[in-house]
């Protein structure tokens, strides 16, 4: 009788141990999945920030180019007016 009780107890302990291992494994998988999702969100934000920064840089370059063209045109007009005045 005593031996049988010990076997039952050992089986029960093993079952509890297996159950705990499965719970831990499931929890680890869930945590890994959450971590992966968070990493993907961070990457998406970083990519979005880089794209936005690139867009702003292009806009600034275009604006600088436009200003330079306007300045060049103004200088050209001034030179033409000076030539006309000297004629």
N, C-alpha and C. Protein backbone atom coordinates (compact mmCIF):
# COMPACT_ATOMS: atom_id res chain seq x y z
N UNK A 1 0.82 -1.19 0.00
CA UNK A 1 0.00 0.00 0.00
C UNK A 1 0.86 1.25 0.00
N UNK A 2 1.86 1.24 0.82
CA UNK A 2 2.75 2.37 0.94
C UNK A 2 3.49 2.60 -0.38
N UNK A 3 3.91 1.54 -1.01
CA UNK A 3 4.64 1.61 -2.27
C UNK A 3 3.74 2.20 -3.36
N UNK A 4 2.50 1.79 -3.36
CA UNK A 4 1.55 2.27 -4.34
C UNK A 4 1.34 3.78 -4.17
N UNK A 5 1.21 4.23 -2.94
CA UNK A 5 1.03 5.65 -2.64
C UNK A 5 2.23 6.45 -3.13
N UNK A 6 3.42 5.91 -2.92
CA UNK A 6 4.64 6.59 -3.36
C UNK A 6 4.67 6.70 -4.89
N UNK A 7 4.23 5.66 -5.56
CA UNK A 7 4.20 5.68 -7.03
C UNK A 7 3.19 6.72 -7.51
N UNK A 8 2.03 6.75 -6.89
CA UNK A 8 1.02 7.74 -7.26
C UNK A 8 1.54 9.16 -7.04
N UNK A 9 2.20 9.36 -5.90
CA UNK A 9 2.74 10.67 -5.57
C UNK A 9 3.81 11.07 -6.60
N UNK A 10 4.65 10.13 -6.95
CA UNK A 10 5.72 10.40 -7.93
C UNK A 10 5.11 10.74 -9.28
N UNK A 11 4.09 9.98 -9.69
CA UNK A 11 3.41 10.26 -10.97
C UNK A 11 2.76 11.65 -10.94
N UNK A 12 2.14 11.94 -9.83
CA UNK A 12 1.49 13.24 -9.69
C UNK A 12 2.53 14.36 -9.74
N UNK A 13 3.64 14.18 -9.08
CA UNK A 13 4.73 15.16 -9.11
C UNK A 13 5.26 15.35 -10.53
N UNK A 14 5.41 14.25 -11.25
CA UNK A 14 5.87 14.33 -12.64
C UNK A 14 4.86 15.07 -13.52
N UNK A 15 3.59 14.78 -13.29
CA UNK A 15 2.54 15.46 -14.06
C UNK A 15 2.56 16.96 -13.79
N UNK A 16 2.71 17.32 -12.54
CA UNK A 16 2.77 18.74 -12.17
C UNK A 16 4.00 19.39 -12.80
N UNK A 17 5.11 18.68 -12.76
CA UNK A 17 6.35 19.21 -13.34
C UNK A 17 6.19 19.43 -14.85
N UNK A 18 5.60 18.45 -15.54
CA UNK A 18 5.37 18.58 -16.98
C UNK A 18 4.43 19.75 -17.28
N UNK A 19 3.39 19.86 -16.49
CA UNK A 19 2.42 20.94 -16.67
C UNK A 19 3.10 22.31 -16.50
N UNK A 20 3.92 22.42 -15.48
CA UNK A 20 4.65 23.67 -15.24
C UNK A 20 5.62 23.98 -16.39
N UNK A 21 6.28 22.94 -16.89
CA UNK A 21 7.20 23.14 -18.02
C UNK A 21 6.45 23.63 -19.25
N UNK A 22 5.29 23.02 -19.50
CA UNK A 22 4.48 23.44 -20.65
C UNK A 22 3.98 24.87 -20.50
N UNK A 23 3.58 25.22 -19.29
CA UNK A 23 3.14 26.59 -19.03
C UNK A 23 4.29 27.58 -19.26
N UNK A 24 5.46 27.23 -18.76
CA UNK A 24 6.63 28.10 -18.91
C UNK A 24 7.00 28.25 -20.39
N UNK A 25 6.94 27.13 -21.11
CA UNK A 25 7.25 27.16 -22.54
C UNK A 25 6.26 28.05 -23.29
N UNK A 26 4.98 27.92 -22.96
CA UNK A 26 3.96 28.74 -23.60
C UNK A 26 4.17 30.22 -23.27
N UNK A 27 4.52 30.50 -22.04
CA UNK A 27 4.76 31.88 -21.62
C UNK A 27 5.98 32.46 -22.36
N UNK A 28 7.03 31.65 -22.48
CA UNK A 28 8.23 32.10 -23.20
C UNK A 28 7.91 32.39 -24.66
N UNK A 29 7.13 31.52 -25.28
CA UNK A 29 6.74 31.73 -26.68
C UNK A 29 5.94 33.03 -26.82
N UNK A 30 5.03 33.24 -25.89
CA UNK A 30 4.21 34.46 -25.92
C UNK A 30 5.09 35.70 -25.75
N UNK A 31 6.02 35.64 -24.81
CA UNK A 31 6.93 36.77 -24.57
C UNK A 31 7.80 37.03 -25.80
N UNK A 32 8.27 35.96 -26.44
CA UNK A 32 9.08 36.11 -27.65
C UNK A 32 8.27 36.74 -28.79
N UNK A 33 7.02 36.33 -28.89
CA UNK A 33 6.14 36.89 -29.92
C UNK A 33 5.90 38.38 -29.68
N UNK A 34 5.66 38.73 -28.44
CA UNK A 34 5.44 40.14 -28.08
C UNK A 34 6.71 40.95 -28.38
N UNK A 35 7.85 40.40 -28.00
CA UNK A 35 9.13 41.07 -28.23
C UNK A 35 9.36 41.28 -29.73
N UNK A 36 9.05 40.26 -30.52
CA UNK A 36 9.22 40.34 -31.96
C UNK A 36 8.32 41.44 -32.55
N UNK A 37 7.08 41.51 -32.08
CA UNK A 37 6.15 42.54 -32.55
C UNK A 37 6.67 43.93 -32.19
N UNK A 38 7.17 44.07 -30.99
CA UNK A 38 7.70 45.37 -30.55
C UNK A 38 8.91 45.77 -31.40
N UNK A 39 9.78 44.80 -31.69
CA UNK A 39 10.95 45.08 -32.52
C UNK A 39 10.52 45.50 -33.93
N UNK A 40 9.50 44.84 -34.46
CA UNK A 40 9.00 45.19 -35.79
C UNK A 40 8.41 46.59 -35.80
N UNK A 41 7.69 46.96 -34.73
CA UNK A 41 7.13 48.30 -34.63
C UNK A 41 8.24 49.35 -34.59
N UNK A 42 9.29 49.05 -33.83
CA UNK A 42 10.43 49.97 -33.74
C UNK A 42 11.07 50.14 -35.11
N UNK A 43 11.26 49.03 -35.82
CA UNK A 43 11.85 49.10 -37.16
C UNK A 43 10.99 49.93 -38.09
N UNK A 44 9.66 49.72 -38.03
CA UNK A 44 8.75 50.50 -38.88
C UNK A 44 8.87 51.99 -38.58
N UNK A 45 8.94 52.33 -37.30
CA UNK A 45 9.08 53.73 -36.91
C UNK A 45 10.39 54.30 -37.40
N UNK A 46 11.48 53.52 -37.26
CA UNK A 46 12.79 53.98 -37.72
C UNK A 46 12.79 54.21 -39.22
N UNK A 47 12.19 53.29 -39.96
CA UNK A 47 12.11 53.44 -41.42
C UNK A 47 11.29 54.67 -41.77
N UNK A 48 10.17 54.84 -41.08
CA UNK A 48 9.32 56.02 -41.31
C UNK A 48 10.07 57.31 -41.02
N UNK A 49 10.83 57.32 -39.92
CA UNK A 49 11.61 58.51 -39.57
C UNK A 49 12.68 58.80 -40.62
N UNK A 50 13.33 57.75 -41.10
CA UNK A 50 14.37 57.93 -42.12
C UNK A 50 13.76 58.48 -43.41
N UNK A 51 12.60 57.94 -43.79
CA UNK A 51 11.93 58.42 -45.00
C UNK A 51 11.51 59.87 -44.85
N UNK A 52 10.98 60.21 -43.68
CA UNK A 52 10.56 61.58 -43.43
C UNK A 52 11.76 62.52 -43.46
N UNK A 53 12.86 62.10 -42.86
CA UNK A 53 14.08 62.92 -42.85
C UNK A 53 14.60 63.11 -44.29
N UNK A 54 14.57 62.05 -45.08
CA UNK A 54 15.01 62.13 -46.47
C UNK A 54 14.13 63.10 -47.25
N UNK A 55 12.84 63.02 -47.02
CA UNK A 55 11.89 63.91 -47.70
C UNK A 55 12.16 65.36 -47.33
N UNK A 56 12.37 65.64 -46.04
CA UNK A 56 12.67 67.01 -45.60
C UNK A 56 13.96 67.51 -46.22
N UNK A 57 14.96 66.62 -46.29
CA UNK A 57 16.25 66.99 -46.86
C UNK A 57 16.07 67.36 -48.34
N UNK A 58 15.31 66.56 -49.06
CA UNK A 58 15.05 66.84 -50.48
C UNK A 58 14.31 68.16 -50.64
N UNK A 59 13.33 68.41 -49.78
CA UNK A 59 12.58 69.66 -49.85
C UNK A 59 13.51 70.85 -49.60
N UNK A 60 14.40 70.72 -48.62
CA UNK A 60 15.35 71.79 -48.33
C UNK A 60 16.30 72.02 -49.50
N UNK A 61 16.77 70.93 -50.10
CA UNK A 61 17.65 71.06 -51.25
C UNK A 61 16.93 71.74 -52.41
N UNK A 62 15.68 71.35 -52.65
CA UNK A 62 14.90 71.97 -53.72
C UNK A 62 14.69 73.45 -53.46
N UNK A 63 14.42 73.78 -52.21
CA UNK A 63 14.22 75.19 -51.84
C UNK A 63 15.53 75.97 -52.04
N UNK A 64 16.64 75.39 -51.64
CA UNK A 64 17.93 76.06 -51.82
C UNK A 64 18.23 76.25 -53.31
N UNK A 65 17.92 75.22 -54.11
CA UNK A 65 18.14 75.33 -55.56
C UNK A 65 17.28 76.44 -56.16
N UNK A 66 16.02 76.52 -55.73
CA UNK A 66 15.12 77.57 -56.21
C UNK A 66 15.65 78.95 -55.83
N UNK A 67 16.12 79.08 -54.60
CA UNK A 67 16.67 80.37 -54.15
C UNK A 67 17.90 80.73 -54.98
N UNK A 68 18.74 79.76 -55.24
CA UNK A 68 19.95 80.01 -56.05
C UNK A 68 19.57 80.43 -57.47
N UNK A 69 18.57 79.76 -58.05
CA UNK A 69 18.11 80.12 -59.39
C UNK A 69 17.57 81.55 -59.41
N UNK A 70 16.77 81.89 -58.40
CA UNK A 70 16.22 83.24 -58.32
C UNK A 70 17.35 84.27 -58.20
N UNK A 71 18.32 83.96 -57.38
CA UNK A 71 19.45 84.87 -57.20
C UNK A 71 20.23 85.01 -58.51
N UNK A 72 20.45 83.92 -59.20
CA UNK A 72 21.15 83.95 -60.48
C UNK A 72 20.37 84.78 -61.51
N UNK A 73 19.05 84.60 -61.52
CA UNK A 73 18.21 85.38 -62.44
C UNK A 73 18.26 86.87 -62.12
N UNK A 74 18.26 87.18 -60.82
CA UNK A 74 18.35 88.59 -60.42
C UNK A 74 19.67 89.20 -60.87
N UNK A 75 20.75 88.47 -60.71
CA UNK A 75 22.07 88.96 -61.12
C UNK A 75 22.09 89.14 -62.64
N UNK A 76 21.52 88.19 -63.34
CA UNK A 76 21.47 88.26 -64.80
C UNK A 76 20.70 89.50 -65.25
N UNK A 77 19.56 89.75 -64.62
CA UNK A 77 18.75 90.93 -64.95
C UNK A 77 19.52 92.22 -64.66
N UNK A 78 20.19 92.24 -63.52
CA UNK A 78 20.98 93.42 -63.18
C UNK A 78 22.07 93.68 -64.21
N UNK A 79 22.73 92.62 -64.63
CA UNK A 79 23.79 92.76 -65.63
C UNK A 79 23.22 93.25 -66.96
N UNK A 80 22.05 92.72 -67.34
CA UNK A 80 21.41 93.16 -68.58
C UNK A 80 21.03 94.64 -68.49
N UNK A 81 20.52 95.05 -67.33
CA UNK A 81 20.14 96.46 -67.16
C UNK A 81 21.37 97.36 -67.20
N UNK A 82 22.47 96.90 -66.64
CA UNK A 82 23.71 97.67 -66.67
C UNK A 82 24.21 97.82 -68.11
N UNK A 83 24.12 96.73 -68.87
CA UNK A 83 24.54 96.78 -70.27
C UNK A 83 23.68 97.74 -71.06
N UNK A 84 22.37 97.69 -70.82
CA UNK A 84 21.47 98.60 -71.52
C UNK A 84 21.75 100.04 -71.14
N UNK A 85 22.08 100.29 -69.91
CA UNK A 85 22.35 101.65 -69.45
C UNK A 85 23.65 102.19 -70.04
N UNK A 86 24.59 101.30 -70.25
CA UNK A 86 25.88 101.75 -70.80
C UNK A 86 25.83 101.94 -72.31
N UNK A 87 24.82 101.43 -72.96
CA UNK A 87 24.73 101.57 -74.42
C UNK A 87 24.22 102.88 -74.84
